[in-house]
């Protein structure tokens, strides 16, 4: 069963596990997280698709669109079951993404952190000499893209 950086393919079934930007021979994943709660999966080969729902998202709040048409979301555990999709289809999964505050202790020091998705976007105190987690750009709710050329190898790497 080939596994590549967060996705698993077997017998026509593709599971997208990590909602990170990436390319594969089956699909390209464009993640808007942590800017907004959206992941676009651009299908390259016909597959039966499922996408993992992040732990901080309530599955009832997930919306799935295939080529901008809403479909009913069915779930199996933490996976949204999209079903059969054809090459050229774009599957978009959206969900609420909000900031949440936590207090943590590190080496007997207390820190107040703000998370958005899985990402720490602010920390107080930030640090005297090298401030940590000053990420206001993630808090603006607008995805920042960088144009990249993606490469997909024809060879399979077995880990």
N, C-alpha and C. Protein backbone atom coordinates (compact mmCIF):
# COMPACT_ATOMS: atom_id res chain seq x y z
N UNK A 1 0.84 -1.17 0.00
CA UNK A 1 0.00 0.00 0.00
C UNK A 1 0.89 1.24 0.00
N UNK A 2 0.96 1.98 -1.11
CA UNK A 2 1.80 3.17 -1.15
C UNK A 2 1.29 4.26 -0.20
N UNK A 3 2.21 4.85 0.56
CA UNK A 3 1.90 5.96 1.45
C UNK A 3 2.86 7.08 1.14
N UNK A 4 2.34 8.27 0.95
CA UNK A 4 3.16 9.43 0.63
C UNK A 4 2.70 10.61 1.47
N UNK A 5 3.59 11.08 2.36
CA UNK A 5 3.38 12.32 3.10
C UNK A 5 1.92 12.65 3.39
N UNK A 6 1.24 11.78 4.07
CA UNK A 6 -0.10 12.15 4.50
C UNK A 6 -1.23 11.65 3.65
N UNK A 7 -0.94 10.80 2.68
CA UNK A 7 -2.06 10.19 1.97
C UNK A 7 -1.76 8.71 1.77
N UNK A 8 -2.82 7.98 1.63
CA UNK A 8 -2.69 6.54 1.50
C UNK A 8 -3.57 6.10 0.32
N UNK A 9 -2.99 5.32 -0.58
CA UNK A 9 -3.72 4.84 -1.76
C UNK A 9 -3.66 3.33 -1.79
N UNK A 10 -4.83 2.73 -1.98
CA UNK A 10 -4.89 1.28 -2.13
C UNK A 10 -6.13 0.91 -2.93
N UNK A 11 -5.92 0.18 -4.01
CA UNK A 11 -7.01 -0.37 -4.82
C UNK A 11 -8.08 0.66 -5.17
N UNK A 12 -7.65 1.83 -5.64
CA UNK A 12 -8.61 2.84 -6.07
C UNK A 12 -9.13 3.75 -4.97
N UNK A 13 -8.75 3.48 -3.72
CA UNK A 13 -9.17 4.30 -2.59
C UNK A 13 -8.04 5.24 -2.19
N UNK A 14 -8.34 6.53 -2.09
CA UNK A 14 -7.35 7.52 -1.67
C UNK A 14 -7.82 8.18 -0.38
N UNK A 15 -6.99 8.07 0.67
CA UNK A 15 -7.27 8.73 1.95
C UNK A 15 -6.28 9.87 2.11
N UNK A 16 -6.79 11.09 2.24
CA UNK A 16 -5.95 12.23 2.53
C UNK A 16 -5.95 12.39 4.04
N UNK A 17 -4.79 12.16 4.66
CA UNK A 17 -4.68 12.18 6.11
C UNK A 17 -4.21 13.52 6.65
N UNK A 18 -3.12 14.05 6.10
CA UNK A 18 -2.57 15.32 6.55
C UNK A 18 -3.03 16.42 5.61
N UNK A 19 -3.62 17.44 6.17
CA UNK A 19 -4.16 18.52 5.35
C UNK A 19 -3.08 19.57 5.10
N UNK A 20 -2.05 19.13 4.38
CA UNK A 20 -0.91 19.97 4.02
C UNK A 20 -0.81 20.07 2.51
N UNK A 21 -0.22 21.16 2.02
CA UNK A 21 0.00 21.31 0.58
C UNK A 21 0.91 20.21 0.09
N UNK A 22 0.52 19.56 -1.01
CA UNK A 22 1.36 18.51 -1.56
C UNK A 22 0.83 18.07 -2.93
N UNK A 23 1.68 17.35 -3.63
CA UNK A 23 1.31 16.80 -4.93
C UNK A 23 1.57 15.30 -4.92
N UNK A 24 0.74 14.55 -5.62
CA UNK A 24 0.96 13.13 -5.78
C UNK A 24 0.45 12.74 -7.16
N UNK A 25 0.63 11.49 -7.52
CA UNK A 25 0.14 11.04 -8.82
C UNK A 25 -1.38 10.92 -8.87
N UNK A 26 -2.03 10.91 -7.70
CA UNK A 26 -3.49 10.76 -7.64
C UNK A 26 -4.22 12.09 -7.50
N UNK A 27 -3.63 13.01 -6.73
CA UNK A 27 -4.30 14.29 -6.47
C UNK A 27 -3.29 15.31 -5.95
N UNK A 28 -3.62 16.58 -6.12
CA UNK A 28 -2.87 17.68 -5.50
C UNK A 28 -3.73 18.23 -4.37
N UNK A 29 -3.10 18.52 -3.24
CA UNK A 29 -3.81 19.06 -2.08
C UNK A 29 -3.33 20.49 -1.88
N UNK A 30 -4.28 21.42 -1.83
CA UNK A 30 -4.01 22.82 -1.53
C UNK A 30 -4.72 23.16 -0.23
N UNK A 31 -3.95 23.39 0.82
CA UNK A 31 -4.51 23.66 2.13
C UNK A 31 -4.48 25.16 2.43
N UNK A 32 -5.58 25.66 2.93
CA UNK A 32 -5.68 27.07 3.34
C UNK A 32 -5.45 27.21 4.85
N UNK A 33 -5.27 26.11 5.54
CA UNK A 33 -5.08 26.11 6.99
C UNK A 33 -3.71 26.70 7.31
N UNK A 34 -3.52 27.55 8.29
CA UNK A 34 -4.45 28.01 9.31
C UNK A 34 -5.14 29.33 8.98
N UNK A 35 -5.00 29.83 7.75
CA UNK A 35 -5.65 31.09 7.40
C UNK A 35 -7.17 30.95 7.48
N UNK A 36 -7.70 29.96 6.77
CA UNK A 36 -9.14 29.66 6.78
C UNK A 36 -9.31 28.15 6.79
N UNK A 37 -10.48 27.70 7.17
CA UNK A 37 -10.76 26.26 7.23
C UNK A 37 -11.19 25.74 5.87
N UNK A 38 -10.23 25.52 4.99
CA UNK A 38 -10.53 25.03 3.65
C UNK A 38 -9.36 24.21 3.12
N UNK A 39 -9.70 23.09 2.48
CA UNK A 39 -8.72 22.25 1.80
C UNK A 39 -9.31 21.89 0.44
N UNK A 40 -8.52 22.12 -0.63
CA UNK A 40 -8.94 21.77 -1.99
C UNK A 40 -8.13 20.57 -2.45
N UNK A 41 -8.82 19.56 -2.97
CA UNK A 41 -8.16 18.36 -3.50
C UNK A 41 -8.47 18.30 -4.99
N UNK A 42 -7.42 18.46 -5.80
CA UNK A 42 -7.57 18.45 -7.25
C UNK A 42 -7.23 17.05 -7.75
N UNK A 43 -8.23 16.35 -8.25
CA UNK A 43 -8.12 14.94 -8.61
C UNK A 43 -7.41 14.77 -9.95
N UNK A 44 -6.42 13.85 -9.98
CA UNK A 44 -5.68 13.54 -11.21
C UNK A 44 -6.07 12.19 -11.80
N UNK A 45 -6.41 11.24 -10.93
CA UNK A 45 -6.82 9.90 -11.37
C UNK A 45 -8.12 9.54 -10.67
N UNK A 46 -8.95 8.76 -11.32
CA UNK A 46 -10.22 8.35 -10.71
C UNK A 46 -9.95 7.59 -9.41
N UNK A 47 -10.57 8.05 -8.33
CA UNK A 47 -10.39 7.43 -7.02
C UNK A 47 -11.68 7.51 -6.23
N UNK A 48 -11.75 6.70 -5.19
CA UNK A 48 -12.78 6.85 -4.15
C UNK A 48 -12.07 7.60 -3.03
N UNK A 49 -12.52 8.83 -2.75
CA UNK A 49 -11.80 9.75 -1.87
C UNK A 49 -12.41 9.84 -0.48
N UNK A 50 -11.53 9.89 0.51
CA UNK A 50 -11.93 10.25 1.87
C UNK A 50 -10.87 11.21 2.41
N UNK A 51 -11.32 12.16 3.23
CA UNK A 51 -10.45 13.21 3.77
C UNK A 51 -10.59 13.24 5.28
N UNK A 52 -9.45 13.23 5.99
CA UNK A 52 -9.50 13.25 7.45
C UNK A 52 -9.93 14.63 7.95
N UNK A 53 -10.85 14.62 8.89
CA UNK A 53 -11.34 15.84 9.53
C UNK A 53 -10.45 16.13 10.73
N UNK A 54 -9.92 17.36 10.84
CA UNK A 54 -9.06 17.67 11.98
C UNK A 54 -9.77 17.43 13.32
N UNK A 55 -8.99 17.10 14.35
CA UNK A 55 -9.55 16.77 15.66
C UNK A 55 -10.30 17.93 16.29
N UNK A 56 -9.96 19.15 15.95
CA UNK A 56 -10.58 20.33 16.55
C UNK A 56 -11.81 20.80 15.78
N UNK A 57 -12.25 20.01 14.80
CA UNK A 57 -13.44 20.33 14.00
C UNK A 57 -14.54 19.33 14.33
N UNK A 58 -15.74 19.83 14.56
CA UNK A 58 -16.89 18.97 14.76
C UNK A 58 -17.35 18.47 13.37
N UNK A 59 -17.41 17.17 13.16
CA UNK A 59 -17.78 16.65 11.84
C UNK A 59 -19.11 17.20 11.28
N UNK A 60 -20.04 17.58 12.14
CA UNK A 60 -21.32 18.13 11.63
C UNK A 60 -21.14 19.51 11.00
N UNK A 61 -20.00 20.16 11.27
CA UNK A 61 -19.73 21.48 10.70
C UNK A 61 -18.98 21.43 9.37
N UNK A 62 -18.66 20.23 8.91
CA UNK A 62 -17.90 20.07 7.67
C UNK A 62 -18.84 20.17 6.47
N UNK A 63 -18.37 20.87 5.45
CA UNK A 63 -19.10 21.00 4.19
C UNK A 63 -18.18 20.50 3.07
N UNK A 64 -18.73 19.72 2.16
CA UNK A 64 -17.96 19.20 1.02
C UNK A 64 -18.63 19.66 -0.28
N UNK A 65 -17.80 20.15 -1.19
CA UNK A 65 -18.27 20.52 -2.53
C UNK A 65 -17.41 19.79 -3.55
N UNK A 66 -18.02 19.30 -4.60
CA UNK A 66 -17.30 18.72 -5.74
C UNK A 66 -17.65 19.60 -6.93
N UNK A 67 -16.63 20.24 -7.48
CA UNK A 67 -16.82 21.19 -8.58
C UNK A 67 -17.87 22.24 -8.24
N UNK A 68 -17.77 22.79 -7.03
CA UNK A 68 -18.65 23.84 -6.53
C UNK A 68 -20.10 23.41 -6.31
N UNK A 69 -20.37 22.11 -6.26
CA UNK A 69 -21.71 21.61 -5.95
C UNK A 69 -21.67 20.87 -4.63
N UNK A 70 -22.53 21.29 -3.69
CA UNK A 70 -22.57 20.64 -2.38
C UNK A 70 -22.95 19.18 -2.50
N UNK A 71 -22.29 18.36 -1.70
CA UNK A 71 -22.69 16.96 -1.59
C UNK A 71 -22.94 16.67 -0.11
N UNK A 72 -23.72 15.65 0.15
CA UNK A 72 -24.00 15.26 1.53
C UNK A 72 -22.75 14.65 2.14
N UNK A 73 -22.40 15.11 3.34
CA UNK A 73 -21.21 14.62 4.02
C UNK A 73 -21.57 13.37 4.81
N UNK A 74 -20.88 12.29 4.50
CA UNK A 74 -20.99 11.06 5.28
C UNK A 74 -19.64 10.87 5.94
N UNK A 75 -19.65 10.39 7.17
CA UNK A 75 -18.39 10.23 7.90
C UNK A 75 -18.21 8.79 8.35
N UNK A 76 -16.95 8.41 8.43
CA UNK A 76 -16.54 7.15 9.04
C UNK A 76 -15.44 7.52 10.02
N UNK A 77 -15.80 7.63 11.29
CA UNK A 77 -14.85 8.11 12.28
C UNK A 77 -14.49 9.54 11.97
N UNK A 78 -13.19 9.84 11.84
CA UNK A 78 -12.72 11.20 11.56
C UNK A 78 -12.56 11.46 10.07
N UNK A 79 -13.10 10.60 9.21
CA UNK A 79 -12.97 10.78 7.77
C UNK A 79 -14.29 11.20 7.13
N UNK A 80 -14.22 12.22 6.27
CA UNK A 80 -15.34 12.60 5.43
C UNK A 80 -15.26 11.73 4.18
N UNK A 81 -16.32 10.99 3.91
CA UNK A 81 -16.34 10.07 2.76
C UNK A 81 -16.92 10.81 1.56
N UNK A 82 -16.07 11.14 0.62
CA UNK A 82 -16.50 11.88 -0.57
C UNK A 82 -17.07 10.92 -1.60
N UNK A 83 -16.44 9.78 -1.78
CA UNK A 83 -16.89 8.80 -2.76
C UNK A 83 -16.09 8.89 -4.05
N UNK A 84 -16.68 8.41 -5.14
CA UNK A 84 -16.00 8.37 -6.43
C UNK A 84 -15.86 9.76 -7.03
N UNK A 85 -14.64 10.09 -7.43
CA UNK A 85 -14.36 11.37 -8.10
C UNK A 85 -13.50 11.09 -9.33
N UNK A 86 -13.72 11.89 -10.35
CA UNK A 86 -13.05 11.69 -11.63
C UNK A 86 -11.90 12.68 -11.81
N UNK A 87 -10.97 12.35 -12.70
CA UNK A 87 -9.88 13.29 -12.99
C UNK A 87 -10.44 14.64 -13.42
N UNK A 88 -9.82 15.71 -12.93
CA UNK A 88 -10.28 17.05 -13.24
C UNK A 88 -11.24 17.62 -12.20
N UNK A 89 -11.83 16.75 -11.36
CA UNK A 89 -12.72 17.23 -10.30
C UNK A 89 -11.91 17.96 -9.24
N UNK A 90 -12.53 18.95 -8.62
CA UNK A 90 -11.94 19.64 -7.47
C UNK A 90 -12.89 19.44 -6.30
N UNK A 91 -12.37 18.82 -5.25
CA UNK A 91 -13.14 18.57 -4.04
C UNK A 91 -12.69 19.60 -3.01
N UNK A 92 -13.65 20.34 -2.47
CA UNK A 92 -13.35 21.36 -1.47
C UNK A 92 -14.03 20.99 -0.17
N UNK A 93 -13.22 20.87 0.88
CA UNK A 93 -13.75 20.64 2.22
C UNK A 93 -13.58 21.93 3.01
N UNK A 94 -14.68 22.43 3.59
CA UNK A 94 -14.61 23.64 4.42
C UNK A 94 -15.15 23.33 5.80
N UNK A 95 -14.69 24.11 6.77
CA UNK A 95 -15.09 23.94 8.17
C UNK A 95 -14.70 25.20 8.92
N UNK A 96 -15.34 25.43 10.06
CA UNK A 96 -14.97 26.61 10.85
C UNK A 96 -13.56 26.45 11.42
N UNK A 97 -12.85 27.56 11.46
CA UNK A 97 -11.53 27.57 12.10
C UNK A 97 -11.50 28.81 12.97
N UNK A 98 -11.34 28.61 14.24
CA UNK A 98 -11.37 29.72 15.19
C UNK A 98 -10.12 29.69 16.06
N UNK A 99 -9.85 30.82 16.65
CA UNK A 99 -8.74 30.89 17.60
C UNK A 99 -9.21 30.38 18.95
N UNK A 100 -8.30 29.74 19.65
CA UNK A 100 -8.59 29.30 21.01
C UNK A 100 -7.36 29.54 21.87
N UNK A 101 -7.59 29.95 23.09
CA UNK A 101 -6.49 30.31 23.99
C UNK A 101 -6.25 29.19 24.99
N UNK A 102 -4.98 28.97 25.30
CA UNK A 102 -4.57 27.97 26.28
C UNK A 102 -3.47 28.55 27.15
N UNK A 103 -3.38 28.03 28.36
CA UNK A 103 -2.25 28.33 29.23
C UNK A 103 -1.43 27.07 29.34
N UNK A 104 -0.14 27.18 29.07
CA UNK A 104 0.75 26.01 29.14
C UNK A 104 1.93 26.32 30.05
N UNK A 105 2.56 25.27 30.53
CA UNK A 105 3.75 25.40 31.36
C UNK A 105 4.91 24.73 30.63
N UNK A 106 6.02 25.44 30.50
CA UNK A 106 7.24 24.91 29.90
C UNK A 106 8.39 25.24 30.84
N UNK A 107 9.06 24.21 31.37
CA UNK A 107 10.20 24.41 32.27
C UNK A 107 9.89 25.41 33.38
N UNK A 108 8.78 25.19 34.07
CA UNK A 108 8.35 25.99 35.22
C UNK A 108 7.98 27.44 34.88
N UNK A 109 7.75 27.71 33.60
CA UNK A 109 7.30 29.04 33.17
C UNK A 109 5.92 28.91 32.54
N UNK A 110 5.07 29.85 32.87
CA UNK A 110 3.72 29.84 32.32
C UNK A 110 3.66 30.71 31.07
N UNK A 111 2.98 30.20 30.02
CA UNK A 111 2.80 30.94 28.77
C UNK A 111 1.34 30.90 28.39
N UNK A 112 0.85 31.99 27.87
CA UNK A 112 -0.48 32.05 27.29
C UNK A 112 -0.31 31.98 25.78
N UNK A 113 -0.93 31.00 25.17
CA UNK A 113 -0.80 30.84 23.72
C UNK A 113 -2.16 30.94 23.06
N UNK A 114 -2.14 31.33 21.80
CA UNK A 114 -3.35 31.36 20.98
C UNK A 114 -3.08 30.43 19.81
N UNK A 115 -4.02 29.49 19.60
CA UNK A 115 -3.90 28.56 18.48
C UNK A 115 -5.00 28.84 17.46
N UNK A 116 -4.66 28.60 16.21
CA UNK A 116 -5.64 28.64 15.12
C UNK A 116 -5.40 27.38 14.33
N UNK A 117 -6.35 26.48 14.38
CA UNK A 117 -6.11 25.15 13.84
C UNK A 117 -5.09 24.48 14.73
N UNK A 118 -4.06 23.90 14.12
CA UNK A 118 -2.97 23.27 14.88
C UNK A 118 -1.82 24.23 15.14
N UNK A 119 -1.92 25.44 14.62
CA UNK A 119 -0.80 26.37 14.63
C UNK A 119 -0.86 27.34 15.80
N UNK A 120 0.25 27.53 16.50
CA UNK A 120 0.35 28.57 17.51
C UNK A 120 0.58 29.88 16.77
N UNK A 121 -0.32 30.86 16.97
CA UNK A 121 -0.23 32.13 16.25
C UNK A 121 0.19 33.29 17.15
N UNK A 122 0.19 33.08 18.46
CA UNK A 122 0.63 34.13 19.39
C UNK A 122 1.05 33.47 20.69
N UNK A 123 2.00 34.13 21.37
CA UNK A 123 2.50 33.60 22.64
C UNK A 123 2.85 34.78 23.55
N UNK A 124 2.45 34.68 24.83
CA UNK A 124 2.75 35.72 25.79
C UNK A 124 3.21 35.09 27.09
N UNK A 125 4.37 35.41 27.61
CA UNK A 125 5.31 36.38 27.04
C UNK A 125 6.01 35.79 25.81
N UNK A 126 6.35 36.67 24.85
CA UNK A 126 6.92 36.19 23.59
C UNK A 126 8.40 35.83 23.66
N UNK A 127 9.07 36.24 24.70
CA UNK A 127 10.51 36.02 24.81
C UNK A 127 11.24 37.34 24.69
N UNK A 128 12.27 37.51 25.48
CA UNK A 128 12.96 38.79 25.55
C UNK A 128 13.92 39.01 24.38
N UNK A 129 14.68 37.99 23.99
CA UNK A 129 15.72 38.17 22.98
C UNK A 129 15.32 37.66 21.60
N UNK A 130 14.47 36.68 21.57
CA UNK A 130 14.02 36.11 20.29
C UNK A 130 12.53 35.80 20.41
N UNK A 131 11.67 36.80 20.19
CA UNK A 131 10.23 36.58 20.36
C UNK A 131 9.72 35.41 19.52
N UNK A 132 8.94 34.56 20.16
CA UNK A 132 8.41 33.37 19.50
C UNK A 132 6.95 33.56 19.11
N UNK A 133 6.56 32.90 18.04
CA UNK A 133 5.17 32.79 17.60
C UNK A 133 4.49 34.13 17.39
N UNK A 134 5.15 35.02 16.71
CA UNK A 134 4.56 36.29 16.32
C UNK A 134 4.04 36.11 14.89
N UNK A 135 2.85 35.57 14.77
CA UNK A 135 2.33 35.16 13.46
C UNK A 135 1.00 35.84 13.14
N UNK A 136 0.99 37.14 13.16
CA UNK A 136 -0.25 37.87 12.88
C UNK A 136 -0.80 37.60 11.49
N UNK A 137 0.07 37.26 10.52
CA UNK A 137 -0.41 37.00 9.16
C UNK A 137 -1.37 35.81 9.12
N UNK A 138 -1.23 34.84 10.03
CA UNK A 138 -2.17 33.72 10.07
C UNK A 138 -3.54 34.13 10.59
N UNK A 139 -3.60 35.24 11.28
CA UNK A 139 -4.83 35.66 11.93
C UNK A 139 -5.70 36.53 11.03
N UNK A 140 -5.26 36.82 9.82
CA UNK A 140 -5.98 37.74 8.93
C UNK A 140 -7.06 37.07 8.08
N UNK A 141 -7.21 35.76 8.14
CA UNK A 141 -8.26 35.02 7.43
C UNK A 141 -8.19 35.17 5.92
N UNK A 142 -7.00 35.34 5.39
CA UNK A 142 -6.80 35.42 3.95
C UNK A 142 -5.55 34.61 3.60
N UNK A 143 -5.73 33.57 2.80
CA UNK A 143 -4.63 32.66 2.46
C UNK A 143 -3.57 33.39 1.66
N UNK A 144 -2.33 33.22 2.07
CA UNK A 144 -1.19 33.76 1.33
C UNK A 144 -0.58 32.62 0.52
N UNK A 145 -0.58 32.76 -0.80
CA UNK A 145 -0.04 31.73 -1.68
C UNK A 145 1.31 32.14 -2.20
N UNK A 146 2.13 31.15 -2.47
CA UNK A 146 3.41 31.36 -3.13
C UNK A 146 3.43 30.43 -4.33
N UNK A 147 3.71 30.95 -5.50
CA UNK A 147 3.71 30.13 -6.72
C UNK A 147 4.89 29.17 -6.68
N UNK A 148 4.60 27.89 -6.85
CA UNK A 148 5.61 26.84 -6.80
C UNK A 148 5.35 25.86 -7.93
N UNK A 149 6.41 25.26 -8.41
CA UNK A 149 6.26 24.15 -9.35
C UNK A 149 6.37 22.87 -8.54
N UNK A 150 5.38 22.01 -8.67
CA UNK A 150 5.37 20.76 -7.91
C UNK A 150 5.94 19.64 -8.76
N UNK A 151 6.61 18.73 -8.09
CA UNK A 151 7.23 17.59 -8.76
C UNK A 151 6.66 16.31 -8.15
N UNK A 152 6.28 15.39 -9.01
CA UNK A 152 5.83 14.08 -8.57
C UNK A 152 6.68 13.04 -9.28
N UNK A 153 7.38 12.24 -8.50
CA UNK A 153 8.25 11.21 -9.06
C UNK A 153 7.43 10.05 -9.62
N UNK A 154 7.93 9.43 -10.65
CA UNK A 154 7.30 8.22 -11.18
C UNK A 154 7.67 6.99 -10.38
N UNK A 155 8.71 7.12 -9.55
CA UNK A 155 9.16 5.99 -8.75
C UNK A 155 8.49 6.02 -7.38
N UNK A 156 8.14 4.84 -6.88
CA UNK A 156 7.57 4.73 -5.55
C UNK A 156 8.68 4.50 -4.54
N UNK A 157 8.58 5.20 -3.44
CA UNK A 157 9.52 5.03 -2.34
C UNK A 157 8.82 4.22 -1.27
N UNK A 158 9.37 3.09 -0.92
CA UNK A 158 8.78 2.24 0.11
C UNK A 158 9.51 2.49 1.42
N UNK A 159 8.78 2.98 2.41
CA UNK A 159 9.39 3.35 3.69
C UNK A 159 9.47 2.17 4.59
